[in-house]
């Protein structure tokens, strides 16, 4: 296995990790921004005001996106196993 092949495998793995995690991370960042803005405008400094909606949103997005996340991971795993002969020999 050459270093170019290892770098290529790691690059594909990181791309998949970013694609899978991006929707949840972007949504969490946006909801955090909006809740922080609402806290600033209302001068409400309650921690549960930001924590509970963020947890609900992230949990809901993970449950809704779970089939897509699983399909992406399975496709990547199948691709890795079908190209196994290239990596070993």
Protein backbone atom coordinates (compact mmCIF):
# COMPACT_ATOMS: atom_id res chain seq x y z
CA UNK A 1 0.00 0.00 0.00
CA UNK A 2 1.55 3.28 -1.09
CA UNK A 3 1.33 6.56 0.74
CA UNK A 4 -0.76 8.02 -2.09
CA UNK A 5 -3.32 5.27 -1.63
CA UNK A 6 -3.44 5.83 2.14
CA UNK A 7 -3.89 9.57 1.65
CA UNK A 8 -6.66 8.91 -0.88
CA UNK A 9 -8.47 6.56 1.52
CA UNK A 10 -8.20 9.06 4.38
CA UNK A 11 -9.38 11.90 2.14
CA UNK A 12 -12.49 9.94 1.15
CA UNK A 13 -13.13 9.01 4.77
CA UNK A 14 -12.91 12.65 5.89
CA UNK A 15 -15.16 13.76 3.04
CA UNK A 16 -17.80 11.26 4.13
CA UNK A 17 -17.48 12.33 7.76
CA UNK A 18 -17.95 15.98 6.79
CA UNK A 19 -20.92 15.21 4.54
CA UNK A 20 -22.61 13.18 7.25
CA UNK A 21 -22.01 15.66 10.07
CA UNK A 22 -22.54 18.92 8.13
CA UNK A 23 -26.37 19.13 8.22
CA UNK A 24 -26.55 18.68 11.98
CA UNK A 25 -23.62 21.01 12.69
CA UNK A 26 -24.94 23.75 10.41
CA UNK A 27 -28.42 23.53 11.91
CA UNK A 28 -27.01 23.61 15.45
CA UNK A 29 -24.89 26.65 14.61
CA UNK A 30 -27.85 28.49 13.08
CA UNK A 31 -30.20 27.74 15.96
CA UNK A 32 -27.49 28.78 18.44
CA UNK A 33 -27.03 32.06 16.62
CA UNK A 34 -30.76 32.75 16.54
CA UNK A 35 -31.21 31.87 20.20
CA UNK A 36 -28.25 34.02 21.21
CA UNK A 37 -29.70 36.88 19.22
CA UNK A 38 -33.06 36.41 20.94
CA UNK A 39 -31.32 36.33 24.34
CA UNK A 40 -29.48 39.53 23.56
CA UNK A 41 -32.57 41.33 22.34
CA UNK A 42 -34.72 40.28 25.30
CA UNK A 43 -31.97 40.41 27.96
CA UNK A 44 -33.05 36.96 29.05
CA UNK A 45 -30.03 35.07 30.40
CA UNK A 46 -31.61 31.71 31.14
CA UNK A 47 -29.44 28.71 30.17
CA UNK A 48 -32.36 26.40 29.46
CA UNK A 49 -33.63 28.90 26.90
CA UNK A 50 -30.73 27.98 24.62
CA UNK A 51 -29.95 24.42 25.67
CA UNK A 52 -33.35 22.75 25.38
CA UNK A 53 -34.26 23.96 21.86
CA UNK A 54 -30.77 23.14 20.58
CA UNK A 55 -30.93 19.61 22.01
CA UNK A 56 -34.42 19.08 20.59
CA UNK A 57 -33.39 20.32 17.16
CA UNK A 58 -30.21 18.24 17.00
CA UNK A 59 -31.99 15.13 18.27
CA UNK A 60 -34.81 15.58 15.77
CA UNK A 61 -32.39 16.14 12.88
CA UNK A 62 -30.42 13.05 13.79
CA UNK A 63 -33.60 10.94 13.91
CA UNK A 64 -34.90 12.36 10.63
CA UNK A 65 -31.55 12.08 8.88
CA UNK A 66 -30.65 8.66 10.24
CA UNK A 67 -31.66 6.74 7.09
CA UNK A 68 -29.56 9.07 4.93
CA UNK A 69 -26.60 8.91 7.36
CA UNK A 70 -26.77 5.12 7.48
CA UNK A 71 -27.06 4.82 3.69
CA UNK A 72 -23.98 7.03 3.18
CA UNK A 73 -21.97 4.99 5.68
CA UNK A 74 -23.07 1.69 4.18
CA UNK A 75 -22.22 2.88 0.65
CA UNK A 76 -18.78 3.95 1.82
CA UNK A 77 -18.20 0.65 3.61
CA UNK A 78 -19.32 -1.38 0.60
CA UNK A 79 -17.04 0.70 -1.62
CA UNK A 80 -14.11 0.05 0.73
CA UNK A 81 -14.77 -3.71 0.77
CA UNK A 82 -15.22 -3.95 -3.00
CA UNK A 83 -11.87 -2.19 -3.52
CA UNK A 84 -10.15 -4.25 -0.84
CA UNK A 85 -8.08 -6.13 -3.41
CA UNK A 86 -6.57 -2.78 -4.47
CA UNK A 87 -5.55 -1.93 -0.92
CA UNK A 88 -4.05 -5.30 -0.04
CA UNK A 89 -2.24 -6.17 -3.22
